[in-house]
């Protein structure tokens, strides 16, 4: 009877050992399978999201360039006030000369 009990205990131990080895051997492959499944499901959405982000970045860069160009134009206009004042003075001189010319012409 002892031998039979010993055989049952040995069988239980070997079965548990076999089951443990089976779980240990298959656990990484199950994890990798789940990981691969997740990547396969999420990759198209992530790729589309990346493409959208690149498009938005390009549009943003274009808008930033436009705004910087406009700011540069406005800055250069503030520096041109000296030139506008000079033009204004020259126009006033021309108008005065024209009036003088007209008066000289009318006297003749």
PDB file of N, CA and C in Angstrom:
ATOM      1  N   UNK A   1       0.808  -1.180   0.000  1.00  0.00           N
ATOM      2  CA  UNK A   1       0.000   0.000   0.000  1.00  0.00           C
ATOM      3  C   UNK A   1       0.860   1.256   0.000  1.00  0.00           C
ATOM      4  N   UNK A   2       1.967   1.193   0.669  1.00  0.00           N
ATOM      5  CA  UNK A   2       2.864   2.335   0.705  1.00  0.00           C
ATOM      6  C   UNK A   2       3.428   2.638  -0.673  1.00  0.00           C
ATOM      7  N   UNK A   3       3.727   1.620  -1.386  1.00  0.00           N
ATOM      8  CA  UNK A   3       4.275   1.815  -2.728  1.00  0.00           C
ATOM      9  C   UNK A   3       3.255   2.472  -3.641  1.00  0.00           C
ATOM     10  N   UNK A   4       2.027   2.089  -3.497  1.00  0.00           N
ATOM     11  CA  UNK A   4       0.957   2.661  -4.312  1.00  0.00           C
ATOM     12  C   UNK A   4       0.768   4.146  -3.947  1.00  0.00           C
ATOM     13  N   UNK A   5       0.805   4.481  -2.671  1.00  0.00           N
ATOM     14  CA  UNK A   5       0.700   5.868  -2.239  1.00  0.00           C
ATOM     15  C   UNK A   5       1.879   6.679  -2.778  1.00  0.00           C
ATOM     16  N   UNK A   6       3.051   6.049  -2.711  1.00  0.00           N
ATOM     17  CA  UNK A   6       4.253   6.714  -3.206  1.00  0.00           C
ATOM     18  C   UNK A   6       4.133   6.987  -4.698  1.00  0.00           C
ATOM     19  N   UNK A   7       3.584   6.047  -5.431  1.00  0.00           N
ATOM     20  CA  UNK A   7       3.402   6.229  -6.875  1.00  0.00           C
ATOM     21  C   UNK A   7       2.401   7.357  -7.152  1.00  0.00           C
ATOM     22  N   UNK A   8       1.343   7.420  -6.355  1.00  0.00           N
ATOM     23  CA  UNK A   8       0.344   8.487  -6.524  1.00  0.00           C
ATOM     24  C   UNK A   8       0.984   9.845  -6.245  1.00  0.00           C
ATOM     25  N   UNK A   9       1.767   9.924  -5.168  1.00  0.00           N
ATOM     26  CA  UNK A   9       2.436  11.179  -4.834  1.00  0.00           C
ATOM     27  C   UNK A   9       3.449  11.573  -5.903  1.00  0.00           C
ATOM     28  N   UNK A  10       4.195  10.599  -6.394  1.00  0.00           N
ATOM     29  CA  UNK A  10       5.163  10.877  -7.453  1.00  0.00           C
ATOM     30  C   UNK A  10       4.447  11.334  -8.706  1.00  0.00           C
ATOM     31  N   UNK A  11       3.324  10.698  -9.034  1.00  0.00           N
ATOM     32  CA  UNK A  11       2.555  11.083 -10.217  1.00  0.00           C
ATOM     33  C   UNK A  11       2.035  12.510 -10.070  1.00  0.00           C
ATOM     34  N   UNK A  12       1.528  12.865  -8.844  1.00  0.00           N
ATOM     35  CA  UNK A  12       1.050  14.230  -8.608  1.00  0.00           C
ATOM     36  C   UNK A  12       2.180  15.244  -8.783  1.00  0.00           C
ATOM     37  N   UNK A  13       3.339  14.900  -8.213  1.00  0.00           N
ATOM     38  CA  UNK A  13       4.485  15.809  -8.306  1.00  0.00           C
ATOM     39  C   UNK A  13       4.917  15.972  -9.757  1.00  0.00           C
ATOM     40  N   UNK A  14       5.013  14.870 -10.478  1.00  0.00           N
ATOM     41  CA  UNK A  14       5.437  14.961 -11.879  1.00  0.00           C
ATOM     42  C   UNK A  14       4.395  15.692 -12.729  1.00  0.00           C
ATOM     43  N   UNK A  15       3.108  15.472 -12.435  1.00  0.00           N
ATOM     44  CA  UNK A  15       2.055  16.187 -13.166  1.00  0.00           C
ATOM     45  C   UNK A  15       2.135  17.698 -12.906  1.00  0.00           C
ATOM     46  N   UNK A  16       2.317  18.054 -11.646  1.00  0.00           N
ATOM     47  CA  UNK A  16       2.448  19.477 -11.306  1.00  0.00           C
ATOM     48  C   UNK A  16       3.700  20.070 -11.951  1.00  0.00           C
ATOM     49  N   UNK A  17       4.784  19.320 -11.915  1.00  0.00           N
ATOM     50  CA  UNK A  17       6.029  19.781 -12.536  1.00  0.00           C
ATOM     51  C   UNK A  17       5.847  19.953 -14.046  1.00  0.00           C
ATOM     52  N   UNK A  18       5.196  19.011 -14.685  1.00  0.00           N
ATOM     53  CA  UNK A  18       4.932  19.076 -16.125  1.00  0.00           C
ATOM     54  C   UNK A  18       4.042  20.283 -16.449  1.00  0.00           C
ATOM     55  N   UNK A  19       2.999  20.463 -15.633  1.00  0.00           N
ATOM     56  CA  UNK A  19       2.098  21.595 -15.848  1.00  0.00           C
ATOM     57  C   UNK A  19       2.848  22.920 -15.682  1.00  0.00           C
ATOM     58  N   UNK A  20       3.695  23.007 -14.669  1.00  0.00           N
ATOM     59  CA  UNK A  20       4.479  24.223 -14.444  1.00  0.00           C
ATOM     60  C   UNK A  20       5.411  24.493 -15.620  1.00  0.00           C
ATOM     61  N   UNK A  21       6.063  23.456 -16.103  1.00  0.00           N
ATOM     62  CA  UNK A  21       6.963  23.622 -17.251  1.00  0.00           C
ATOM     63  C   UNK A  21       6.192  24.052 -18.497  1.00  0.00           C
ATOM     64  N   UNK A  22       5.009  23.483 -18.683  1.00  0.00           N
ATOM     65  CA  UNK A  22       4.178  23.842 -19.824  1.00  0.00           C
ATOM     66  C   UNK A  22       3.789  25.321 -19.750  1.00  0.00           C
ATOM     67  N   UNK A  23       3.362  25.769 -18.548  1.00  0.00           N
ATOM     68  CA  UNK A  23       2.968  27.171 -18.368  1.00  0.00           C
ATOM     69  C   UNK A  23       4.168  28.085 -18.596  1.00  0.00           C
ATOM     70  N   UNK A  24       5.316  27.738 -18.009  1.00  0.00           N
ATOM     71  CA  UNK A  24       6.510  28.563 -18.175  1.00  0.00           C
ATOM     72  C   UNK A  24       6.958  28.618 -19.630  1.00  0.00           C
ATOM     73  N   UNK A  25       6.856  27.498 -20.315  1.00  0.00           N
ATOM     74  CA  UNK A  25       7.287  27.460 -21.713  1.00  0.00           C
ATOM     75  C   UNK A  25       6.354  28.258 -22.613  1.00  0.00           C
ATOM     76  N   UNK A  26       5.064  28.258 -22.311  1.00  0.00           N
ATOM     77  CA  UNK A  26       4.099  28.918 -23.183  1.00  0.00           C
ATOM     78  C   UNK A  26       3.768  30.346 -22.770  1.00  0.00           C
ATOM     79  N   UNK A  27       4.094  30.735 -21.569  1.00  0.00           N
ATOM     80  CA  UNK A  27       3.749  32.081 -21.101  1.00  0.00           C
ATOM     81  C   UNK A  27       4.350  33.174 -21.980  1.00  0.00           C
ATOM     82  N   UNK A  28       5.635  33.124 -22.298  1.00  0.00           N
ATOM     83  CA  UNK A  28       6.181  34.189 -23.162  1.00  0.00           C
ATOM     84  C   UNK A  28       5.524  34.223 -24.538  1.00  0.00           C
ATOM     85  N   UNK A  29       5.210  33.076 -25.096  1.00  0.00           N
ATOM     86  CA  UNK A  29       4.608  33.087 -26.425  1.00  0.00           C
ATOM     87  C   UNK A  29       3.190  33.635 -26.377  1.00  0.00           C
ATOM     88  N   UNK A  30       2.464  33.375 -25.306  1.00  0.00           N
ATOM     89  CA  UNK A  30       1.125  33.937 -25.164  1.00  0.00           C
ATOM     90  C   UNK A  30       1.228  35.458 -25.023  1.00  0.00           C
ATOM     91  N   UNK A  31       2.183  35.910 -24.233  1.00  0.00           N
ATOM     92  CA  UNK A  31       2.368  37.350 -24.063  1.00  0.00           C
ATOM     93  C   UNK A  31       2.747  38.003 -25.391  1.00  0.00           C
ATOM     94  N   UNK A  32       3.658  37.367 -26.120  1.00  0.00           N
ATOM     95  CA  UNK A  32       4.058  37.919 -27.409  1.00  0.00           C
ATOM     96  C   UNK A  32       2.900  37.911 -28.406  1.00  0.00           C
ATOM     97  N   UNK A  33       2.067  36.879 -28.357  1.00  0.00           N
ATOM     98  CA  UNK A  33       0.909  36.808 -29.233  1.00  0.00           C
ATOM     99  C   UNK A  33      -0.047  37.958 -28.917  1.00  0.00           C
ATOM    100  N   UNK A  34      -0.296  38.194 -27.632  1.00  0.00           N
ATOM    101  CA  UNK A  34      -1.192  39.288 -27.236  1.00  0.00           C
ATOM    102  C   UNK A  34      -0.611  40.646 -27.650  1.00  0.00           C
ATOM    103  N   UNK A  35       0.677  40.773 -27.487  1.00  0.00           N
ATOM    104  CA  UNK A  35       1.346  42.010 -27.875  1.00  0.00           C
ATOM    105  C   UNK A  35       1.243  42.239 -29.379  1.00  0.00           C
ATOM    106  N   UNK A  36       1.480  41.184 -30.143  1.00  0.00           N
ATOM    107  CA  UNK A  36       1.388  41.282 -31.602  1.00  0.00           C
ATOM    108  C   UNK A  36      -0.046  41.605 -32.023  1.00  0.00           C
ATOM    109  N   UNK A  37      -1.004  41.001 -31.363  1.00  0.00           N
ATOM    110  CA  UNK A  37      -2.405  41.257 -31.663  1.00  0.00           C
ATOM    111  C   UNK A  37      -2.753  42.724 -31.390  1.00  0.00           C
ATOM    112  N   UNK A  38      -2.273  43.240 -30.278  1.00  0.00           N
ATOM    113  CA  UNK A  38      -2.529  44.636 -29.924  1.00  0.00           C
ATOM    114  C   UNK A  38      -1.889  45.583 -30.945  1.00  0.00           C
ATOM    115  N   UNK A  39      -0.652  45.300 -31.313  1.00  0.00           N
ATOM    116  CA  UNK A  39       0.050  46.154 -32.281  1.00  0.00           C
ATOM    117  C   UNK A  39      -0.664  46.128 -33.623  1.00  0.00           C
ATOM    118  N   UNK A  40      -1.097  44.963 -34.049  1.00  0.00           N
ATOM    119  CA  UNK A  40      -1.781  44.847 -35.337  1.00  0.00           C
ATOM    120  C   UNK A  40      -3.091  45.638 -35.339  1.00  0.00           C
ATOM    121  N   UNK A  41      -3.799  45.657 -34.205  1.00  0.00           N
ATOM    122  CA  UNK A  41      -5.048  46.414 -34.122  1.00  0.00           C
ATOM    123  C   UNK A  41      -4.796  47.916 -34.033  1.00  0.00           C
ATOM    124  N   UNK A  42      -3.774  48.326 -33.279  1.00  0.00           N
ATOM    125  CA  UNK A  42      -3.573  49.756 -33.034  1.00  0.00           C
ATOM    126  C   UNK A  42      -2.732  50.448 -34.088  1.00  0.00           C
ATOM    127  N   UNK A  43      -1.915  49.716 -34.823  1.00  0.00           N
ATOM    128  CA  UNK A  43      -0.971  50.339 -35.749  1.00  0.00           C
ATOM    129  C   UNK A  43      -1.632  51.199 -36.820  1.00  0.00           C
ATOM    130  N   UNK A  44      -2.694  50.751 -37.488  1.00  0.00           N
ATOM    131  CA  UNK A  44      -3.292  51.624 -38.512  1.00  0.00           C
ATOM    132  C   UNK A  44      -3.777  52.961 -37.939  1.00  0.00           C
ATOM    133  N   UNK A  45      -4.386  52.903 -36.770  1.00  0.00           N
ATOM    134  CA  UNK A  45      -4.867  54.141 -36.148  1.00  0.00           C
ATOM    135  C   UNK A  45      -3.693  55.051 -35.775  1.00  0.00           C
ATOM    136  N   UNK A  46      -2.638  54.460 -35.237  1.00  0.00           N
ATOM    137  CA  UNK A  46      -1.463  55.253 -34.884  1.00  0.00           C
ATOM    138  C   UNK A  46      -0.794  55.846 -36.121  1.00  0.00           C
ATOM    139  N   UNK A  47      -0.745  55.086 -37.208  1.00  0.00           N
ATOM    140  CA  UNK A  47      -0.149  55.589 -38.447  1.00  0.00           C
ATOM    141  C   UNK A  47      -0.967  56.762 -38.990  1.00  0.00           C
ATOM    142  N   UNK A  48      -2.295  56.634 -38.914  1.00  0.00           N
ATOM    143  CA  UNK A  48      -3.157  57.724 -39.382  1.00  0.00           C
ATOM    144  C   UNK A  48      -2.977  58.957 -38.495  1.00  0.00           C
ATOM    145  N   UNK A  49      -2.878  58.733 -37.215  1.00  0.00           N
ATOM    146  CA  UNK A  49      -2.667  59.843 -36.274  1.00  0.00           C
ATOM    147  C   UNK A  49      -1.339  60.543 -36.571  1.00  0.00           C
ATOM    148  N   UNK A  50      -0.305  59.768 -36.856  1.00  0.00           N
ATOM    149  CA  UNK A  50       1.001  60.349 -37.195  1.00  0.00           C
ATOM    150  C   UNK A  50       0.907  61.185 -38.468  1.00  0.00           C
ATOM    151  N   UNK A  51       0.216  60.658 -39.480  1.00  0.00           N
ATOM    152  CA  UNK A  51       0.060  61.402 -40.735  1.00  0.00           C
ATOM    153  C   UNK A  51      -0.706  62.703 -40.496  1.00  0.00           C
ATOM    154  N   UNK A  52      -1.769  62.639 -39.681  1.00  0.00           N
ATOM    155  CA  UNK A  52      -2.532  63.850 -39.364  1.00  0.00           C
ATOM    156  C   UNK A  52      -1.652  64.875 -38.657  1.00  0.00           C
ATOM    157  N   UNK A  53      -0.856  64.402 -37.717  1.00  0.00           N
ATOM    158  CA  UNK A  53       0.022  65.310 -36.970  1.00  0.00           C
ATOM    159  C   UNK A  53       1.051  65.953 -37.900  1.00  0.00           C
ATOM    160  N   UNK A  54       1.569  65.192 -38.854  1.00  0.00           N
ATOM    161  CA  UNK A  54       2.532  65.760 -39.805  1.00  0.00           C
ATOM    162  C   UNK A  54       1.861  66.815 -40.675  1.00  0.00           C
ATOM    163  N   UNK A  55       0.622  66.558 -41.103  1.00  0.00           N
ATOM    164  CA  UNK A  55      -0.110  67.560 -41.899  1.00  0.00           C
ATOM    165  C   UNK A  55      -0.343  68.826 -41.086  1.00  0.00           C
ATOM    166  N   UNK A  56      -0.745  68.654 -39.830  1.00  0.00           N
ATOM    167  CA  UNK A  56      -0.977  69.821 -38.978  1.00  0.00           C
ATOM    168  C   UNK A  56       0.316  70.585 -38.742  1.00  0.00           C
ATOM    169  N   UNK A  57       1.415  69.853 -38.605  1.00  0.00           N
ATOM    170  CA  UNK A  57       2.701  70.519 -38.414  1.00  0.00           C
ATOM    171  C   UNK A  57       3.067  71.345 -39.641  1.00  0.00           C
ATOM    172  N   UNK A  58       2.857  70.783 -40.839  1.00  0.00           N
ATOM    173  CA  UNK A  58       3.159  71.517 -42.066  1.00  0.00           C
ATOM    174  C   UNK A  58       2.292  72.774 -42.171  1.00  0.00           C
ATOM    175  N   UNK A  59       1.000  72.638 -41.861  1.00  0.00           N
ATOM    176  CA  UNK A  59       0.111  73.795 -41.910  1.00  0.00           C
ATOM    177  C   UNK A  59       0.531  74.842 -40.879  1.00  0.00           C
ATOM    178  N   UNK A  60       0.909  74.373 -39.708  1.00  0.00           N
ATOM    179  CA  UNK A  60       1.348  75.296 -38.657  1.00  0.00           C
ATOM    180  C   UNK A  60       2.617  76.019 -39.079  1.00  0.00           C
ATOM    181  N   UNK A  61       3.546  75.284 -39.670  1.00  0.00           N
ATOM    182  CA  UNK A  61       4.791  75.913 -40.119  1.00  0.00           C
ATOM    183  C   UNK A  61       4.501  76.978 -41.174  1.00  0.00           C
ATOM    184  N   UNK A  62       3.567  76.678 -42.079  1.00  0.00           N
ATOM    185  CA  UNK A  62       3.189  77.667 -43.093  1.00  0.00           C
ATOM    186  C   UNK A  62       2.571  78.899 -42.463  1.00  0.00           C
ATOM    187  N   UNK A  63       1.703  78.692 -41.491  1.00  0.00           N
ATOM    188  CA  UNK A  63       1.066  79.822 -40.808  1.00  0.00           C
ATOM    189  C   UNK A  63       2.092  80.633 -40.024  1.00  0.00           C
ATOM    190  N   UNK A  64       3.008  79.943 -39.365  1.00  0.00           N
ATOM    191  CA  UNK A  64       4.052  80.638 -38.604  1.00  0.00           C
ATOM    192  C   UNK A  64       4.901  81.490 -39.545  1.00  0.00           C
ATOM    193  N   UNK A  65       5.248  80.933 -40.703  1.00  0.00           N
ATOM    194  CA  UNK A  65       6.037  81.685 -41.678  1.00  0.00           C
ATOM    195  C   UNK A  65       5.275  82.930 -42.123  1.00  0.00           C
ATOM    196  N   UNK A  66       3.982  82.774 -42.386  1.00  0.00           N
ATOM    197  CA  UNK A  66       3.167  83.907 -42.826  1.00  0.00           C
ATOM    198  C   UNK A  66       3.118  84.994 -41.753  1.00  0.00           C
ATOM    199  N   UNK A  67       2.918  84.587 -40.512  1.00  0.00           N
ATOM    200  CA  UNK A  67       2.852  85.564 -39.421  1.00  0.00           C
ATOM    201  C   UNK A  67       4.196  86.257 -39.233  1.00  0.00           C
ATOM    202  N   UNK A  68       5.281  85.504 -39.290  1.00  0.00           N
ATOM    203  CA  UNK A  68       6.609  86.107 -39.144  1.00  0.00           C
ATOM    204  C   UNK A  68       6.885  87.091 -40.287  1.00  0.00           C
ATOM    205  N   UNK A  69       6.466  86.724 -41.493  1.00  0.00           N
ATOM    206  CA  UNK A  69       6.657  87.611 -42.639  1.00  0.00           C
ATOM    207  C   UNK A  69       5.849  88.896 -42.462  1.00  0.00           C
ATOM    208  N   UNK A  70       4.611  88.772 -41.969  1.00  0.00           N
ATOM    209  CA  UNK A  70       3.768  89.945 -41.741  1.00  0.00           C
ATOM    210  C   UNK A  70       4.376  90.829 -40.648  1.00  0.00           C
ATOM    211  N   UNK A  71       4.875  90.203 -39.581  1.00  0.00           N
ATOM    212  CA  UNK A  71       5.515  90.983 -38.503  1.00  0.00           C
ATOM    213  C   UNK A  71       6.740  91.713 -39.029  1.00  0.00           C
ATOM    214  N   UNK A  72       7.499  91.062 -39.870  1.00  0.00           N
ATOM    215  CA  UNK A  72       8.675  91.692 -40.465  1.00  0.00           C
ATOM    216  C   UNK A  72       8.259  92.885 -41.323  1.00  0.00           C
ATOM    217  N   UNK A  73       7.195  92.733 -42.075  1.00  0.00           N
ATOM    218  CA  UNK A  73       6.717  93.838 -42.920  1.00  0.00           C
ATOM    219  C   UNK A  73       6.260  95.007 -42.062  1.00  0.00           C
ATOM    220  N   UNK A  74       5.564  94.711 -40.966  1.00  0.00           N
ATOM    221  CA  UNK A  74       5.102  95.786 -40.088  1.00  0.00           C
ATOM    222  C   UNK A  74       6.295  96.481 -39.439  1.00  0.00           C
ATOM    223  N   UNK A  75       7.295  95.717 -38.991  1.00  0.00           N
ATOM    224  CA  UNK A  75       8.489  96.320 -38.404  1.00  0.00           C
ATOM    225  C   UNK A  75       9.195  97.228 -39.400  1.00  0.00           C
ATOM    226  N   UNK A  76       9.302  96.772 -40.647  1.00  0.00           N
ATOM    227  CA  UNK A  76       9.981  97.598 -41.649  1.00  0.00           C
ATOM    228  C   UNK A  76       9.173  98.850 -41.967  1.00  0.00           C
ATOM    229  N   UNK A  77       7.840  98.762 -41.826  1.00  0.00           N
ATOM    230  CA  UNK A  77       7.019  99.952 -42.063  1.00  0.00           C
ATOM    231  C   UNK A  77       7.253 100.999 -40.977  1.00  0.00           C
ATOM    232  N   UNK A  78       7.501 100.562 -39.746  1.00  0.00           N
ATOM    233  CA  UNK A  78       7.754 101.542 -38.678  1.00  0.00           C
ATOM    234  C   UNK A  78       9.057 102.285 -38.938  1.00  0.00           C
ATOM    235  N   UNK A  79      10.025 101.618 -39.536  1.00  0.00           N
ATOM    236  CA  UNK A  79      11.294 102.273 -39.854  1.00  0.00           C
ATOM    237  C   UNK A  79      11.169 103.181 -41.078  1.00  0.00           C
ATOM    238  N   UNK A  80      10.121 103.018 -41.865  1.00  0.00           N
ATOM    239  CA  UNK A  80       9.965 103.829 -43.068  1.00  0.00           C
ATOM    240  C   UNK A  80       9.248 105.145 -42.798  1.00  0.00           C
ATOM    241  N   UNK A  81       8.881 105.424 -41.558  1.00  0.00           N
ATOM    242  CA  UNK A  81       8.191 106.685 -41.252  1.00  0.00           C
ATOM    243  C   UNK A  81       9.080 107.879 -41.599  1.00  0.00           C
ATOM    244  N   UNK A  82      10.377 107.734 -41.459  1.00  0.00           N
ATOM    245  CA  UNK A  82      11.311 108.810 -41.831  1.00  0.00           C
ATOM    246  C   UNK A  82      11.171 109.123 -43.311  1.00  0.00           C
ATOM    247  N   UNK A  83      11.074 108.103 -44.116  1.00  0.00           N
ATOM    248  CA  UNK A  83      10.956 108.284 -45.565  1.00  0.00           C
ATOM    249  C   UNK A  83       9.619 108.934 -45.919  1.00  0.00           C
ATOM    250  N   UNK A  84       8.547 108.520 -45.232  1.00  0.00           N
ATOM    251  CA  UNK A  84       7.239 109.127 -45.498  1.00  0.00           C
ATOM    252  C   UNK A  84       7.234 110.604 -45.115  1.00  0.00           C
ATOM    253  N   UNK A  85       7.907 110.946 -44.031  1.00  0.00           N
ATOM    254  CA  UNK A  85       7.996 112.359 -43.630  1.00  0.00           C
ATOM    255  C   UNK A  85       8.777 113.154 -44.668  1.00  0.00           C
ATOM    256  N   UNK A  86       9.843 112.546 -45.189  1.00  0.00           N
ATOM    257  CA  UNK A  86      10.635 113.203 -46.225  1.00  0.00           C
ATOM    258  C   UNK A  86       9.795 113.418 -47.479  1.00  0.00           C
ATOM    259  N   UNK A  87       9.027 112.392 -47.861  1.00  0.00           N
ATOM    260  CA  UNK A  87       8.154 112.507 -49.040  1.00  0.00           C
ATOM    261  C   UNK A  87       7.114 113.592 -48.817  1.00  0.00           C
ATOM    262  N   UNK A  88       6.562 113.648 -47.602  1.00  0.00           N
ATOM    263  CA  UNK A  88       5.564 114.664 -47.274  1.00  0.00           C
ATOM    264  C   UNK A  88       6.161 116.068 -47.429  1.00  0.00           C
ATOM    265  N   UNK A  89       7.377 116.260 -46.918  1.00  0.00           N
ATOM    266  CA  UNK A  89       8.040 117.560 -47.039  1.00  0.00           C
ATOM    267  C   UNK A  89       8.305 117.921 -48.492  1.00  0.00           C
ATOM    268  N   UNK A  90       8.760 116.949 -49.273  1.00  0.00           N
ATOM    269  CA  UNK A  90       9.024 117.208 -50.694  1.00  0.00           C
ATOM    270  C   UNK A  90       7.742 117.540 -51.444  1.00  0.00           C
ATOM    271  N   UNK A  91       6.635 116.857 -51.104  1.00  0.00           N
ATOM    272  CA  UNK A  91       5.356 117.161 -51.752  1.00  0.00           C
ATOM    273  C   UNK A  91       4.896 118.578 -51.423  1.00  0.00           C
ATOM    274  N   UNK A  92       5.097 118.992 -50.184  1.00  0.00           N
ATOM    275  CA  UNK A  92       4.724 120.362 -49.805  1.00  0.00           C
ATOM    276  C   UNK A  92       5.558 121.390 -50.580  1.00  0.00           C
ATOM    277  N   UNK A  93       6.848 121.074 -50.752  1.00  0.00           N
ATOM    278  CA  UNK A  93       7.712 121.977 -51.526  1.00  0.00           C
ATOM    279  C   UNK A  93       7.249 122.063 -52.972  1.00  0.00           C
ATOM    280  N   UNK A  94       6.894 120.909 -53.534  1.00  0.00           N
ATOM    281  CA  UNK A  94       6.435 120.879 -54.931  1.00  0.00           C
ATOM    282  C   UNK A  94       5.146 121.664 -55.070  1.00  0.00           C
ATOM    283  N   UNK A  95       4.238 121.525 -54.108  1.00  0.00           N
ATOM    284  CA  UNK A  95       2.968 122.258 -54.163  1.00  0.00           C
ATOM    285  C   UNK A  95       3.241 123.771 -54.094  1.00  0.00           C
ATOM    286  N   UNK A  96       4.142 124.180 -53.226  1.00  0.00           N
ATOM    287  CA  UNK A  96       4.497 125.610 -53.132  1.00  0.00           C
ATOM    288  C   UNK A  96       5.119 126.101 -54.429  1.00  0.00           C
ATOM    289  N   UNK A  97       6.026 125.309 -54.991  1.00  0.00           N
ATOM    290  CA  UNK A  97       6.646 125.689 -56.267  1.00  0.00           C
ATOM    291  C   UNK A  97       5.601 125.796 -57.374  1.00  0.00           C
ATOM    292  N   UNK A  98       4.625 124.881 -57.366  1.00  0.00           N
ATOM    293  CA  UNK A  98       3.559 124.909 -58.374  1.00  0.00           C
ATOM    294  C   UNK A  98       2.732 126.179 -58.222  1.00  0.00           C
ATOM    295  N   UNK A  99       2.424 126.546 -56.972  1.00  0.00           N
ATOM    296  CA  UNK A  99       1.671 127.790 -56.736  1.00  0.00           C
ATOM    297  C   UNK A  99       2.478 129.005 -57.221  1.00  0.00           C
ATOM    298  N   UNK A 100       3.777 129.004 -56.937  1.00  0.00           N
ATOM    299  CA  UNK A 100       4.637 130.103 -57.395  1.00  0.00           C
ATOM    300  C   UNK A 100       4.688 130.140 -58.919  1.00  0.00           C
ATOM    301  N   UNK A 101       4.787 128.969 -59.527  1.00  0.00           N
ATOM    302  CA  UNK A 101       4.821 128.889 -60.987  1.00  0.00           C
ATOM    303  C   UNK A 101       3.517 129.412 -61.566  1.00  0.00           C
ATOM    304  N   UNK A 102       2.402 129.023 -60.947  1.00  0.00           N
ATOM    305  CA  UNK A 102       1.089 129.478 -61.430  1.00  0.00           C
ATOM    306  C   UNK A 102       0.948 130.991 -61.294  1.00  0.00           C
ATOM    307  N   UNK A 103       1.408 131.547 -60.206  1.00  0.00           N
ATOM    308  CA  UNK A 103       1.312 133.009 -60.041  1.00  0.00           C
ATOM    309  C   UNK A 103       2.198 133.749 -61.045  1.00  0.00           C
ATOM    310  N   UNK A 104       3.404 133.205 -61.317  1.00  0.00           N
ATOM    311  CA  UNK A 104       4.273 133.801 -62.310  1.00  0.00           C
ATOM    312  C   UNK A 104       3.626 133.700 -63.679  1.00  0.00           C
ATOM    313  N   UNK A 105       3.004 132.615 -63.992  1.00  0.00           N
ATOM    314  CA  UNK A 105       2.336 132.398 -65.275  1.00  0.00           C
ATOM    315  C   UNK A 105       1.136 133.337 -65.423  1.00  0.00           C
ATOM    316  N   UNK A 106       0.421 133.520 -64.324  1.00  0.00           N
ATOM    317  CA  UNK A 106      -0.769 134.388 -64.409  1.00  0.00           C
ATOM    318  C   UNK A 106      -0.368 135.852 -64.558  1.00  0.00           C
ATOM    319  N   UNK A 107       0.771 136.307 -64.092  1.00  0.00           N
ATOM    320  CA  UNK A 107       1.248 137.682 -64.226  1.00  0.00           C
ATOM    321  C   UNK A 107       1.703 137.967 -65.661  1.00  0.00           C
ATOM    322  N   UNK A 108       2.136 136.955 -66.332  1.00  0.00           N
ATOM    323  CA  UNK A 108       2.622 137.143 -67.697  1.00  0.00           C
ATOM    324  C   UNK A 108       1.446 137.222 -68.590  1.00  0.00           C
TER     325      UNK A 108
END
